[in-house]
Amino acid sequence: MAGQGSTGNVLAAICSFFIPGLGQLVQGRLLKAALMFVLGAVMWFFFLGWIVHIWSIFDAATWKPR
């Protein structure tokens, strides 16, 4: 079973490093991907987007499918 540290999660975390939400999109979590991308874009307007960016990377790296 895939989990934290699996190849898929590492790839997703790398994707989220470049664009918040891209890792969630790679994992097939469309709603979460859209939320991360939009929230990241809005927060970068206030120079706080790095918080969402790091959250996105961590979320993609530690996600476990049910």
C-alpha atoms as a PDB file:
ATOM      1  CA  MET A   1       0.000   0.000   0.000  1.00  0.00           C
ATOM      2  CA  ALA A   2       1.330   3.422  -0.957  1.00  0.00           C
ATOM      3  CA  GLY A   3       1.913   5.862   1.834  1.00  0.00           C
ATOM      4  CA  GLN A   4       4.332   8.411   3.169  1.00  0.00           C
ATOM      5  CA  GLY A   5       7.664   8.158   1.372  1.00  0.00           C
ATOM      6  CA  SER A   6       6.253   6.219  -1.577  1.00  0.00           C
ATOM      7  CA  THR A   7       7.453   7.168  -5.041  1.00  0.00           C
ATOM      8  CA  GLY A   8       4.055   8.643  -5.922  1.00  0.00           C
ATOM      9  CA  ASN A   9       4.049  10.889  -2.882  1.00  0.00           C
ATOM     10  CA  VAL A  10       7.619  12.036  -3.478  1.00  0.00           C
ATOM     11  CA  LEU A  11       6.728  12.926  -7.072  1.00  0.00           C
ATOM     12  CA  ALA A  12       3.585  14.729  -5.880  1.00  0.00           C
ATOM     13  CA  ALA A  13       5.580  16.702  -3.295  1.00  0.00           C
ATOM     14  CA  ILE A  14       8.078  17.740  -5.973  1.00  0.00           C
ATOM     15  CA  CYS A  15       5.200  18.865  -8.208  1.00  0.00           C
ATOM     16  CA  SER A  16       3.702  20.888  -5.343  1.00  0.00           C
ATOM     17  CA  PHE A  17       7.099  22.492  -4.780  1.00  0.00           C
ATOM     18  CA  PHE A  18       6.793  24.174  -8.173  1.00  0.00           C
ATOM     19  CA  ILE A  19       3.037  24.904  -8.194  1.00  0.00           C
ATOM     20  CA  PRO A  20       0.827  24.623  -5.099  1.00  0.00           C
ATOM     21  CA  GLY A  21      -1.883  22.052  -5.750  1.00  0.00           C
ATOM     22  CA  LEU A  22      -0.116  20.311  -8.630  1.00  0.00           C
ATOM     23  CA  GLY A  23       0.886  17.415  -6.378  1.00  0.00           C
ATOM     24  CA  GLN A  24      -2.706  16.930  -5.271  1.00  0.00           C
ATOM     25  CA  LEU A  25      -3.756  16.986  -8.930  1.00  0.00           C
ATOM     26  CA  VAL A  26      -1.183  14.266  -9.715  1.00  0.00           C
ATOM     27  CA  GLN A  27      -2.674  12.211  -6.882  1.00  0.00           C
ATOM     28  CA  GLY A  28      -6.161  12.623  -8.363  1.00  0.00           C
ATOM     29  CA  ARG A  29      -7.542  14.901  -5.648  1.00  0.00           C
ATOM     30  CA  LEU A  30      -9.124  17.551  -7.857  1.00  0.00           C
ATOM     31  CA  LEU A  31     -11.011  19.557  -5.218  1.00  0.00           C
ATOM     32  CA  LYS A  32      -8.001  19.742  -2.897  1.00  0.00           C
ATOM     33  CA  ALA A  33      -5.784  20.725  -5.854  1.00  0.00           C
ATOM     34  CA  ALA A  34      -8.106  23.573  -6.822  1.00  0.00           C
ATOM     35  CA  LEU A  35      -8.290  24.744  -3.198  1.00  0.00           C
ATOM     36  CA  MET A  36      -4.492  24.768  -2.811  1.00  0.00           C
ATOM     37  CA  PHE A  37      -3.943  26.559  -6.113  1.00  0.00           C
ATOM     38  CA  VAL A  38      -6.547  29.281  -5.535  1.00  0.00           C
ATOM     39  CA  LEU A  39      -5.661  29.780  -1.869  1.00  0.00           C
ATOM     40  CA  GLY A  40      -1.970  29.937  -2.764  1.00  0.00           C
ATOM     41  CA  ALA A  41      -2.607  32.533  -5.482  1.00  0.00           C
ATOM     42  CA  VAL A  42      -4.718  34.692  -3.166  1.00  0.00           C
ATOM     43  CA  MET A  43      -2.233  34.454  -0.309  1.00  0.00           C
ATOM     44  CA  TRP A  44       0.740  35.361  -2.550  1.00  0.00           C
ATOM     45  CA  PHE A  45      -1.063  38.651  -3.135  1.00  0.00           C
ATOM     46  CA  PHE A  46      -0.484  39.345   0.586  1.00  0.00           C
ATOM     47  CA  PHE A  47       3.050  37.843   0.546  1.00  0.00           C
ATOM     48  CA  LEU A  48       1.848  34.923   2.704  1.00  0.00           C
ATOM     49  CA  GLY A  49       1.570  32.387  -0.107  1.00  0.00           C
ATOM     50  CA  TRP A  50       4.636  30.545   1.150  1.00  0.00           C
ATOM     51  CA  ILE A  51       2.491  29.201   4.016  1.00  0.00           C
ATOM     52  CA  VAL A  52       0.052  27.554   1.592  1.00  0.00           C
ATOM     53  CA  HIS A  53       2.948  26.478  -0.607  1.00  0.00           C
ATOM     54  CA  ILE A  54       4.630  24.574   2.249  1.00  0.00           C
ATOM     55  CA  TRP A  55       1.272  23.168   3.385  1.00  0.00           C
ATOM     56  CA  SER A  56       0.666  21.887  -0.149  1.00  0.00           C
ATOM     57  CA  ILE A  57       4.062  20.159  -0.284  1.00  0.00           C
ATOM     58  CA  PHE A  58       3.584  18.568   3.147  1.00  0.00           C
ATOM     59  CA  ASP A  59       0.037  17.439   2.308  1.00  0.00           C
ATOM     60  CA  ALA A  60       1.149  15.796  -0.933  1.00  0.00           C
ATOM     61  CA  ALA A  61       4.084  14.062   0.748  1.00  0.00           C
ATOM     62  CA  THR A  62       2.096  12.587   3.641  1.00  0.00           C
ATOM     63  CA  TRP A  63      -1.188  11.659   1.915  1.00  0.00           C
ATOM     64  CA  LYS A  64      -2.334   8.067   2.313  1.00  0.00           C
ATOM     65  CA  PRO A  65      -5.038   6.692   0.000  1.00  0.00           C
ATOM     66  CA  ARG A  66      -7.942   4.971   1.723  1.00  0.00           C
END
